N, C-alpha and C. Protein backbone atom coordinates (compact mmCIF):
# COMPACT_ATOMS: atom_id res chain seq x y z
N UNK A 1 0.18 -1.20 -0.57
CA UNK A 1 -0.21 -0.07 0.29
C UNK A 1 1.24 0.91 -0.24
N UNK A 2 0.47 2.39 -0.94
CA UNK A 2 0.94 3.43 -0.82
C UNK A 2 1.13 4.45 -0.29
N UNK A 3 1.32 5.27 -0.05
CA UNK A 3 1.37 6.41 0.28
C UNK A 3 0.03 7.02 0.36
N UNK A 4 0.42 7.29 -1.26
CA UNK A 4 -1.21 8.18 -2.06
C UNK A 4 -1.97 7.23 -1.81
N UNK A 5 -2.31 5.98 -1.53
CA UNK A 5 -3.73 5.27 -0.97
C UNK A 5 -3.45 5.76 0.27
N UNK A 6 -2.45 5.82 0.92
CA UNK A 6 -3.43 5.90 2.31
C UNK A 6 -3.21 7.20 2.59
N UNK A 7 -3.28 8.70 1.96
CA UNK A 7 -3.68 9.81 2.19
C UNK A 7 -5.35 9.35 1.74
N UNK A 8 -5.40 9.25 0.88
CA UNK A 8 -6.92 9.06 0.56
C UNK A 8 -7.83 7.97 1.13
N UNK A 9 -7.60 6.90 1.62
CA UNK A 9 -8.16 6.27 1.77
C UNK A 9 -8.17 6.91 3.74
N UNK A 10 -7.44 7.41 4.13
CA UNK A 10 -7.23 7.90 5.53
C UNK A 10 -7.50 8.66 6.20
N UNK A 11 -6.11 9.25 5.57
CA UNK A 11 -5.84 11.10 5.95
C UNK A 11 -6.76 12.18 5.69
N UNK A 12 -6.93 11.84 4.28
CA UNK A 12 -8.29 13.08 4.13
C UNK A 12 -9.59 13.03 4.67
N UNK A 13 -10.09 12.11 5.05
CA UNK A 13 -11.54 11.85 5.73
C UNK A 13 -11.64 12.01 7.56
N UNK A 14 -9.67 11.79 7.53
CA UNK A 14 -9.73 12.01 9.27
C UNK A 14 -9.69 13.46 8.92
N UNK A 15 -9.17 14.49 7.95
CA UNK A 15 -9.45 15.44 8.10
C UNK A 15 -10.37 15.58 7.95
N UNK A 16 -11.23 15.55 7.35
CA UNK A 16 -13.01 16.00 7.34
C UNK A 16 -13.07 16.14 8.59
N UNK A 17 -12.53 14.90 9.44
CA UNK A 17 -13.58 14.18 11.02
C UNK A 17 -12.92 14.99 12.13
N UNK A 18 -12.06 16.30 11.74
CA UNK A 18 -11.04 16.28 12.97
C UNK A 18 -11.80 18.18 12.40
N UNK A 19 -11.72 18.71 10.74
CA UNK A 19 -12.86 19.94 10.95
C UNK A 19 -14.26 19.64 11.85
N UNK A 20 -14.26 19.37 11.08
CA UNK A 20 -16.65 18.71 11.82
C UNK A 20 -16.19 18.18 13.58
N UNK A 21 -15.74 17.61 13.77
CA UNK A 21 -15.25 18.14 15.27
C UNK A 21 -14.79 19.41 16.13
N UNK A 22 -14.45 19.93 14.58
CA UNK A 22 -13.78 20.74 15.63
C UNK A 22 -15.14 21.82 15.54
N UNK A 23 -16.30 22.67 14.37
CA UNK A 23 -17.48 22.60 14.41
C UNK A 23 -18.82 21.89 15.16
N UNK A 24 -18.27 20.80 15.64
CA UNK A 24 -19.30 20.90 16.72
C UNK A 24 -18.71 21.47 17.85
N UNK A 25 -18.09 21.46 18.78
CA UNK A 25 -17.24 21.54 19.65
C UNK A 25 -17.34 23.00 19.86
N UNK A 26 -17.40 23.81 18.77
CA UNK A 26 -17.84 25.34 19.17
C UNK A 26 -19.62 25.77 19.48
N UNK A 27 -20.08 24.53 18.55
CA UNK A 27 -21.10 24.67 18.65
C UNK A 27 -21.88 23.74 20.68
N UNK A 28 -21.28 23.46 20.98
CA UNK A 28 -22.03 22.39 21.90
C UNK A 28 -21.72 23.88 23.32
N UNK A 29 -22.34 23.66 24.30
CA UNK A 29 -22.71 23.90 25.70
C UNK A 29 -22.55 23.84 26.30
N UNK A 30 -21.84 22.50 27.32
CA UNK A 30 -21.57 21.30 27.70
C UNK A 30 -19.90 21.91 28.72
N UNK A 31 -19.53 22.20 27.45
CA UNK A 31 -17.81 21.52 27.56
C UNK A 31 -17.36 23.01 27.29
N UNK A 32 -15.97 23.41 28.43
CA UNK A 32 -16.76 25.16 27.98
C UNK A 32 -14.73 25.31 27.37
N UNK A 33 -13.71 23.98 28.41
CA UNK A 33 -12.28 23.94 27.13
C UNK A 33 -12.54 23.34 26.22
N UNK A 34 -13.60 22.07 25.23
CA UNK A 34 -13.80 21.95 24.00
C UNK A 34 -14.36 23.59 23.57
N UNK A 35 -14.64 24.15 23.98
CA UNK A 35 -15.61 25.81 23.10
C UNK A 35 -13.82 26.89 22.92
N UNK A 36 -13.22 26.28 24.00
CA UNK A 36 -12.18 27.90 23.61
C UNK A 36 -11.72 27.50 22.25
N UNK A 37 -11.18 25.42 22.50
CA UNK A 37 -9.94 25.26 21.78
C UNK A 37 -11.22 24.56 20.56
N UNK A 38 -12.74 25.00 20.36
CA UNK A 38 -13.00 24.79 18.42
C UNK A 38 -12.18 24.45 17.39
N UNK A 39 -12.52 26.34 17.50
CA UNK A 39 -11.84 27.12 16.37
C UNK A 39 -10.23 26.36 16.23
N UNK A 40 -9.20 26.15 17.32
CA UNK A 40 -8.19 25.18 17.35
C UNK A 40 -8.69 24.31 16.33
N UNK A 41 -9.19 23.52 16.85
CA UNK A 41 -9.71 21.89 15.99
C UNK A 41 -9.85 22.28 15.04
N UNK A 42 -10.88 23.17 14.67
CA UNK A 42 -11.18 23.34 13.39
C UNK A 42 -10.24 23.57 12.09
N UNK A 43 -9.24 24.45 13.25
CA UNK A 43 -8.18 25.47 11.60
C UNK A 43 -7.40 23.50 11.46
N UNK A 44 -6.37 22.32 13.06
CA UNK A 44 -6.52 22.18 11.97
C UNK A 44 -7.20 20.91 11.68
N UNK A 45 -7.62 20.61 11.38
CA UNK A 45 -7.57 19.75 10.90
C UNK A 45 -8.83 20.37 9.22
N UNK A 46 -8.73 22.11 8.79
CA UNK A 46 -8.07 22.00 7.95
C UNK A 46 -6.98 22.18 6.95
N UNK A 47 -5.83 22.29 7.64
CA UNK A 47 -4.62 22.09 7.41
C UNK A 47 -3.76 21.58 7.27
N UNK A 48 -4.29 20.11 7.67
CA UNK A 48 -4.81 19.05 7.83
C UNK A 48 -5.52 18.44 5.89
N UNK A 49 -6.15 20.04 5.43
CA UNK A 49 -6.55 18.76 4.66
C UNK A 49 -6.60 19.46 3.32
N UNK A 50 -6.18 20.77 3.41
CA UNK A 50 -5.67 21.47 1.98
C UNK A 50 -4.46 20.11 2.52
N UNK A 51 -2.99 20.02 3.27
CA UNK A 51 -1.79 19.66 2.34
C UNK A 51 -2.43 17.84 2.51
N UNK A 52 -3.63 17.43 3.18
CA UNK A 52 -4.35 15.65 2.01
C UNK A 52 -4.68 16.25 -0.16
N UNK A 53 -5.33 16.59 0.35
CA UNK A 53 -5.96 16.60 -1.12
C UNK A 53 -4.76 17.72 -1.96
N UNK A 54 -3.52 18.05 -1.60
CA UNK A 54 -2.14 18.67 -2.34
C UNK A 54 -1.41 17.64 -3.01
N UNK A 55 -1.73 16.11 -2.38
CA UNK A 55 -1.22 14.84 -2.47
C UNK A 55 -1.98 14.61 -3.60
N UNK A 56 -1.51 14.15 -4.81
CA UNK A 56 -1.53 13.22 -5.79
C UNK A 56 -2.53 12.21 -6.09
N UNK A 57 -3.28 12.34 -6.47
CA UNK A 57 -4.58 10.60 -6.13
C UNK A 57 -3.11 9.37 -7.15
N UNK A 58 -3.93 8.03 -6.21
CA UNK A 58 -2.64 7.27 -7.07
C UNK A 58 -3.93 6.45 -7.99
N UNK A 59 -3.10 6.67 -9.14
CA UNK A 59 -3.69 6.33 -10.53
C UNK A 59 -4.10 5.26 -10.79
N UNK A 60 -5.53 4.90 -11.24
CA UNK A 60 -5.49 2.75 -11.47
C UNK A 60 -4.39 2.48 -12.45
N UNK A 61 -4.49 1.26 -12.20
CA UNK A 61 -2.98 0.81 -12.96
C UNK A 61 -3.45 0.70 -14.90
N UNK A 62 -3.57 0.36 -15.35
CA UNK A 62 -3.83 0.53 -16.91
C UNK A 62 -3.34 -1.35 -17.12
N UNK A 63 -4.02 -1.86 -17.10
CA UNK A 63 -4.07 -3.41 -17.31
C UNK A 63 -4.27 -3.68 -19.02
N UNK A 64 -2.80 -3.22 -19.53
CA UNK A 64 -3.01 -3.53 -20.65
C UNK A 64 -3.54 -2.73 -22.35
N UNK A 65 -4.22 -2.09 -22.02
CA UNK A 65 -4.55 -1.87 -22.82
C UNK A 65 -4.36 -0.41 -23.49
N UNK A 66 -4.08 -1.06 -24.93
CA UNK A 66 -3.74 0.41 -25.93
C UNK A 66 -4.75 0.51 -27.35
N UNK A 67 -4.34 1.94 -27.38
CA UNK A 67 -5.22 2.52 -28.28
C UNK A 67 -4.20 2.88 -29.72
């Protein structure tokens, strides 16, 4: 398994999940600590996502089809 496939399968969804958790932590009224760090959590997810999407996706293997 190459780094590109790991990035596509795990890192991009993880960064999206971190962004969503940051937004949820900003909107929840129960924990002041989560509310204080919600913007930081969202920012970390956003930076991670920007880095992850700039790694080129793995191209499917050509199975010998020539035009």
